[in-house]
Amino acid sequence: MNHPSIKKVTWIPEKAVKLSDKAKAKMHEYGIPDYMHDVIIRYYERGIPPGHFLTAVIDNDLRGAIERADDTNVMALKAYVMWFYNQAPSGSWGSAGSVDRWVSAFTHEEQS
């Protein structure tokens, strides 16, 4: 008996995403450091790649995130996971290559 193969489907934006005011406010509420808010917003709304630490967080690389975090961000890892889980667009984070897929969708949009 043949079984169909299972593919993981990842959502890629067809156009720019605008984070809601609620999602932006939740960054502060969850405890994401203020200096990281604009980095997350630029990533989602304009496809600008984040730094190495945030890339590791978004790609679900705990070891990489810890290795690259400053003292403030290492203490805020739970806040990042809570925010991405509850506020980030579905399928836009949580697996290896998420950042590359998200950024390339914006790059493709600009070239079209």
N, C-alpha and C. Protein backbone atom coordinates (compact mmCIF):
# COMPACT_ATOMS: atom_id res chain seq x y z
N MET A 1 0.84 -1.17 0.00
CA MET A 1 0.00 0.00 0.00
C MET A 1 0.89 1.24 0.00
N ASN A 2 0.64 2.15 -0.91
CA ASN A 2 1.41 3.39 -0.99
C ASN A 2 0.80 4.46 -0.09
N HIS A 3 1.68 5.16 0.61
CA HIS A 3 1.23 6.26 1.47
C HIS A 3 1.69 7.56 0.85
N PRO A 4 0.82 8.54 0.79
CA PRO A 4 1.27 9.83 0.23
C PRO A 4 2.33 10.44 1.13
N SER A 5 3.28 11.08 0.52
CA SER A 5 4.31 11.75 1.32
C SER A 5 3.72 12.98 1.98
N ILE A 6 4.26 13.28 3.11
CA ILE A 6 3.77 14.44 3.87
C ILE A 6 4.77 15.56 3.69
N LYS A 7 4.26 16.71 3.32
CA LYS A 7 5.10 17.89 3.15
C LYS A 7 4.72 18.94 4.19
N LYS A 8 5.73 19.60 4.71
CA LYS A 8 5.49 20.70 5.62
C LYS A 8 5.25 21.94 4.78
N VAL A 9 4.16 22.64 5.05
CA VAL A 9 3.83 23.84 4.31
C VAL A 9 4.21 25.04 5.15
N THR A 10 4.96 25.95 4.58
CA THR A 10 5.37 27.17 5.26
C THR A 10 4.75 28.35 4.55
N TRP A 11 4.12 29.21 5.30
CA TRP A 11 3.49 30.39 4.73
C TRP A 11 4.54 31.42 4.38
N ILE A 12 4.46 31.96 3.18
CA ILE A 12 5.37 33.01 2.72
C ILE A 12 4.51 34.21 2.34
N PRO A 13 4.87 35.41 2.78
CA PRO A 13 4.03 36.57 2.47
C PRO A 13 4.02 36.87 0.98
N GLU A 14 2.84 37.19 0.47
CA GLU A 14 2.73 37.61 -0.92
C GLU A 14 2.93 39.12 -1.03
N LYS A 15 2.75 39.81 0.08
CA LYS A 15 2.98 41.25 0.11
C LYS A 15 3.38 41.62 1.53
N ALA A 16 3.76 42.85 1.70
CA ALA A 16 4.24 43.31 3.01
C ALA A 16 3.19 43.06 4.09
N VAL A 17 3.69 42.75 5.27
CA VAL A 17 2.84 42.51 6.44
C VAL A 17 2.91 43.75 7.32
N LYS A 18 1.79 44.15 7.85
CA LYS A 18 1.76 45.26 8.80
C LYS A 18 1.40 44.68 10.15
N LEU A 19 2.34 44.73 11.09
CA LEU A 19 2.04 44.24 12.43
C LEU A 19 1.01 45.15 13.09
N SER A 20 0.08 44.55 13.78
CA SER A 20 -0.94 45.33 14.46
C SER A 20 -0.34 46.12 15.63
N ASP A 21 -1.04 47.15 16.03
CA ASP A 21 -0.60 47.92 17.20
C ASP A 21 -0.57 47.01 18.43
N LYS A 22 -1.52 46.07 18.50
CA LYS A 22 -1.56 45.13 19.63
C LYS A 22 -0.30 44.28 19.64
N ALA A 23 0.10 43.76 18.47
CA ALA A 23 1.31 42.92 18.40
C ALA A 23 2.54 43.71 18.82
N LYS A 24 2.58 44.99 18.41
CA LYS A 24 3.72 45.83 18.79
C LYS A 24 3.72 46.09 20.30
N ALA A 25 2.55 46.35 20.86
CA ALA A 25 2.45 46.61 22.30
C ALA A 25 2.81 45.37 23.11
N LYS A 26 2.49 44.20 22.60
CA LYS A 26 2.78 42.95 23.30
C LYS A 26 4.29 42.72 23.44
N MET A 27 5.10 43.28 22.53
CA MET A 27 6.55 43.13 22.68
C MET A 27 6.99 43.66 24.03
N HIS A 28 6.50 44.84 24.37
CA HIS A 28 6.83 45.44 25.66
C HIS A 28 6.22 44.63 26.81
N GLU A 29 4.96 44.26 26.64
CA GLU A 29 4.25 43.52 27.68
C GLU A 29 4.92 42.18 27.99
N TYR A 30 5.39 41.47 26.97
CA TYR A 30 6.05 40.18 27.18
C TYR A 30 7.46 40.34 27.74
N GLY A 31 8.07 41.50 27.55
CA GLY A 31 9.41 41.72 28.09
C GLY A 31 10.52 41.69 27.06
N ILE A 32 10.19 41.84 25.78
CA ILE A 32 11.23 41.95 24.76
C ILE A 32 11.88 43.32 24.94
N PRO A 33 13.21 43.37 25.00
CA PRO A 33 13.89 44.65 25.21
C PRO A 33 13.48 45.69 24.16
N ASP A 34 13.30 46.92 24.61
CA ASP A 34 12.85 48.00 23.73
C ASP A 34 13.74 48.16 22.50
N TYR A 35 15.04 47.99 22.65
CA TYR A 35 15.94 48.20 21.52
C TYR A 35 15.82 47.13 20.44
N MET A 36 15.04 46.08 20.71
CA MET A 36 14.82 45.03 19.72
C MET A 36 13.49 45.18 18.97
N HIS A 37 12.62 46.05 19.44
CA HIS A 37 11.30 46.20 18.82
C HIS A 37 11.40 46.59 17.35
N ASP A 38 12.17 47.62 17.05
CA ASP A 38 12.28 48.07 15.66
C ASP A 38 12.89 47.02 14.75
N VAL A 39 13.79 46.21 15.29
CA VAL A 39 14.41 45.13 14.50
C VAL A 39 13.33 44.13 14.07
N ILE A 40 12.47 43.75 14.99
CA ILE A 40 11.39 42.81 14.68
C ILE A 40 10.40 43.43 13.70
N ILE A 41 10.04 44.68 13.91
CA ILE A 41 9.09 45.36 13.02
C ILE A 41 9.65 45.46 11.61
N ARG A 42 10.91 45.87 11.47
CA ARG A 42 11.52 45.97 10.13
C ARG A 42 11.59 44.61 9.44
N TYR A 43 11.86 43.58 10.21
CA TYR A 43 11.91 42.23 9.65
C TYR A 43 10.55 41.84 9.07
N TYR A 44 9.51 42.01 9.86
CA TYR A 44 8.17 41.60 9.40
C TYR A 44 7.59 42.52 8.35
N GLU A 45 7.76 43.80 8.52
CA GLU A 45 7.07 44.74 7.61
C GLU A 45 7.85 45.04 6.35
N ARG A 46 9.19 44.91 6.40
CA ARG A 46 9.99 45.28 5.23
C ARG A 46 10.93 44.18 4.75
N GLY A 47 10.98 43.07 5.45
CA GLY A 47 11.84 41.96 5.04
C GLY A 47 13.31 42.22 5.25
N ILE A 48 13.64 43.09 6.20
CA ILE A 48 15.04 43.39 6.50
C ILE A 48 15.56 42.32 7.47
N PRO A 49 16.62 41.61 7.09
CA PRO A 49 17.12 40.53 7.94
C PRO A 49 17.52 41.04 9.33
N PRO A 50 17.14 40.29 10.36
CA PRO A 50 17.58 40.66 11.71
C PRO A 50 19.02 40.21 11.91
N GLY A 51 19.59 40.53 13.05
CA GLY A 51 20.94 40.09 13.36
C GLY A 51 20.99 38.60 13.66
N HIS A 52 22.18 38.13 13.99
CA HIS A 52 22.40 36.70 14.21
C HIS A 52 21.58 36.15 15.37
N PHE A 53 21.47 36.91 16.47
CA PHE A 53 20.69 36.43 17.62
C PHE A 53 19.23 36.22 17.23
N LEU A 54 18.60 37.24 16.66
CA LEU A 54 17.18 37.14 16.34
C LEU A 54 16.93 36.12 15.23
N THR A 55 17.86 35.98 14.31
CA THR A 55 17.73 34.94 13.29
C THR A 55 17.68 33.57 13.95
N ALA A 56 18.55 33.34 14.94
CA ALA A 56 18.54 32.06 15.65
C ALA A 56 17.22 31.85 16.38
N VAL A 57 16.69 32.89 17.00
CA VAL A 57 15.40 32.77 17.70
C VAL A 57 14.30 32.40 16.70
N ILE A 58 14.21 33.14 15.59
CA ILE A 58 13.16 32.91 14.61
C ILE A 58 13.29 31.53 13.97
N ASP A 59 14.51 31.09 13.75
CA ASP A 59 14.75 29.77 13.14
C ASP A 59 14.69 28.62 14.15
N ASN A 60 14.30 28.92 15.39
CA ASN A 60 14.14 27.91 16.43
C ASN A 60 15.46 27.20 16.75
N ASP A 61 16.53 27.98 16.82
CA ASP A 61 17.87 27.46 17.13
C ASP A 61 18.25 27.96 18.52
N LEU A 62 17.85 27.22 19.53
CA LEU A 62 18.09 27.64 20.91
C LEU A 62 19.57 27.82 21.21
N ARG A 63 20.35 26.85 20.83
CA ARG A 63 21.79 26.94 21.10
C ARG A 63 22.39 28.19 20.44
N GLY A 64 22.05 28.42 19.17
CA GLY A 64 22.56 29.59 18.46
C GLY A 64 22.10 30.89 19.10
N ALA A 65 20.85 30.92 19.56
CA ALA A 65 20.33 32.12 20.21
C ALA A 65 21.10 32.41 21.50
N ILE A 66 21.34 31.39 22.29
CA ILE A 66 22.06 31.58 23.55
C ILE A 66 23.50 32.02 23.28
N GLU A 67 24.13 31.41 22.29
CA GLU A 67 25.51 31.78 21.96
C GLU A 67 25.63 33.22 21.49
N ARG A 68 24.60 33.74 20.83
CA ARG A 68 24.67 35.07 20.22
C ARG A 68 24.02 36.18 21.05
N ALA A 69 23.31 35.81 22.09
CA ALA A 69 22.57 36.78 22.89
C ALA A 69 23.48 37.61 23.78
N ASP A 70 23.11 38.88 23.94
CA ASP A 70 23.78 39.68 24.97
C ASP A 70 23.12 39.33 26.30
N ASP A 71 23.60 39.93 27.38
CA ASP A 71 23.10 39.58 28.71
C ASP A 71 21.61 39.84 28.86
N THR A 72 21.10 40.89 28.24
CA THR A 72 19.68 41.23 28.34
C THR A 72 18.84 40.23 27.56
N ASN A 73 19.25 39.93 26.34
CA ASN A 73 18.45 39.05 25.49
C ASN A 73 18.45 37.60 25.95
N VAL A 74 19.53 37.14 26.54
CA VAL A 74 19.53 35.76 27.03
C VAL A 74 18.48 35.59 28.13
N MET A 75 18.27 36.63 28.91
CA MET A 75 17.26 36.59 29.97
C MET A 75 15.84 36.74 29.42
N ALA A 76 15.72 37.22 28.18
CA ALA A 76 14.41 37.47 27.58
C ALA A 76 13.98 36.40 26.58
N LEU A 77 14.68 35.28 26.52
CA LEU A 77 14.35 34.25 25.52
C LEU A 77 12.90 33.77 25.64
N LYS A 78 12.41 33.59 26.83
CA LYS A 78 11.01 33.17 27.00
C LYS A 78 10.07 34.22 26.42
N ALA A 79 10.39 35.49 26.60
CA ALA A 79 9.55 36.57 26.07
C ALA A 79 9.47 36.51 24.55
N TYR A 80 10.61 36.24 23.92
CA TYR A 80 10.62 36.13 22.45
C TYR A 80 9.74 34.98 21.98
N VAL A 81 9.90 33.83 22.61
CA VAL A 81 9.11 32.67 22.20
C VAL A 81 7.62 32.95 22.40
N MET A 82 7.26 33.55 23.52
CA MET A 82 5.85 33.87 23.76
C MET A 82 5.32 34.84 22.70
N TRP A 83 6.11 35.86 22.38
CA TRP A 83 5.65 36.84 21.39
C TRP A 83 5.50 36.20 20.01
N PHE A 84 6.52 35.49 19.55
CA PHE A 84 6.43 34.87 18.23
C PHE A 84 5.28 33.88 18.16
N TYR A 85 5.10 33.08 19.20
CA TYR A 85 4.03 32.09 19.22
C TYR A 85 2.65 32.75 19.15
N ASN A 86 2.48 33.83 19.89
CA ASN A 86 1.16 34.46 20.01
C ASN A 86 0.89 35.61 19.05
N GLN A 87 1.93 36.25 18.51
CA GLN A 87 1.72 37.47 17.74
C GLN A 87 2.24 37.42 16.30
N ALA A 88 3.25 36.62 16.03
CA ALA A 88 3.86 36.62 14.70
C ALA A 88 2.95 35.91 13.70
N PRO A 89 3.02 36.32 12.43
CA PRO A 89 2.21 35.64 11.41
C PRO A 89 2.49 34.14 11.41
N SER A 90 1.44 33.37 11.32
CA SER A 90 1.54 31.92 11.33
C SER A 90 2.50 31.41 10.26
N GLY A 91 3.37 30.49 10.65
CA GLY A 91 4.31 29.90 9.70
C GLY A 91 5.52 30.74 9.39
N SER A 92 5.63 31.91 10.01
CA SER A 92 6.74 32.81 9.69
C SER A 92 7.95 32.62 10.59
N TRP A 93 7.88 31.69 11.50
CA TRP A 93 8.98 31.46 12.43
C TRP A 93 8.89 30.03 12.93
N GLY A 94 9.92 29.56 13.62
CA GLY A 94 9.85 28.29 14.31
C GLY A 94 10.53 27.12 13.64
N SER A 95 11.13 27.33 12.48
CA SER A 95 11.85 26.23 11.84
C SER A 95 13.07 26.77 11.11
N ALA A 96 14.05 25.90 10.94
CA ALA A 96 15.27 26.30 10.25
C ALA A 96 14.93 26.86 8.87
N GLY A 97 15.53 27.98 8.54
CA GLY A 97 15.31 28.61 7.24
C GLY A 97 14.15 29.60 7.21
N SER A 98 13.46 29.79 8.32
CA SER A 98 12.33 30.72 8.34
C SER A 98 12.73 32.13 7.91
N VAL A 99 13.86 32.61 8.43
CA VAL A 99 14.31 33.97 8.09
C VAL A 99 14.63 34.06 6.61
N ASP A 100 15.37 33.10 6.08
CA ASP A 100 15.72 33.13 4.66
C ASP A 100 14.48 33.14 3.78
N ARG A 101 13.48 32.32 4.11
CA ARG A 101 12.25 32.29 3.31
C ARG A 101 11.51 33.61 3.38
N TRP A 102 11.43 34.18 4.59
CA TRP A 102 10.69 35.43 4.77
C TRP A 102 11.37 36.56 3.98
N VAL A 103 12.67 36.70 4.15
CA VAL A 103 13.42 37.77 3.50
C VAL A 103 13.39 37.59 1.98
N SER A 104 13.53 36.36 1.50
CA SER A 104 13.53 36.14 0.05
C SER A 104 12.18 36.47 -0.56
N ALA A 105 11.10 36.32 0.18
CA ALA A 105 9.78 36.69 -0.33
C ALA A 105 9.71 38.19 -0.59
N PHE A 106 10.33 38.97 0.28
CA PHE A 106 10.35 40.42 0.08
C PHE A 106 11.27 40.80 -1.06
N THR A 107 12.39 40.12 -1.17
CA THR A 107 13.33 40.37 -2.26
C THR A 107 12.66 40.06 -3.59
N HIS A 108 11.93 38.96 -3.65
CA HIS A 108 11.21 38.58 -4.86
C HIS A 108 10.16 39.63 -5.21
N GLU A 109 9.47 40.13 -4.19
CA GLU A 109 8.42 41.15 -4.40
C GLU A 109 9.01 42.40 -5.02
N GLU A 110 10.19 42.83 -4.52
CA GLU A 110 10.82 44.05 -5.05
C GLU A 110 11.26 43.88 -6.51
N GLN A 111 11.64 42.67 -6.90
CA GLN A 111 12.10 42.43 -8.26
C GLN A 111 10.94 42.28 -9.24
N SER A 112 9.74 41.99 -8.75
CA SER A 112 8.58 41.79 -9.62
C SER A 112 8.07 43.09 -10.20
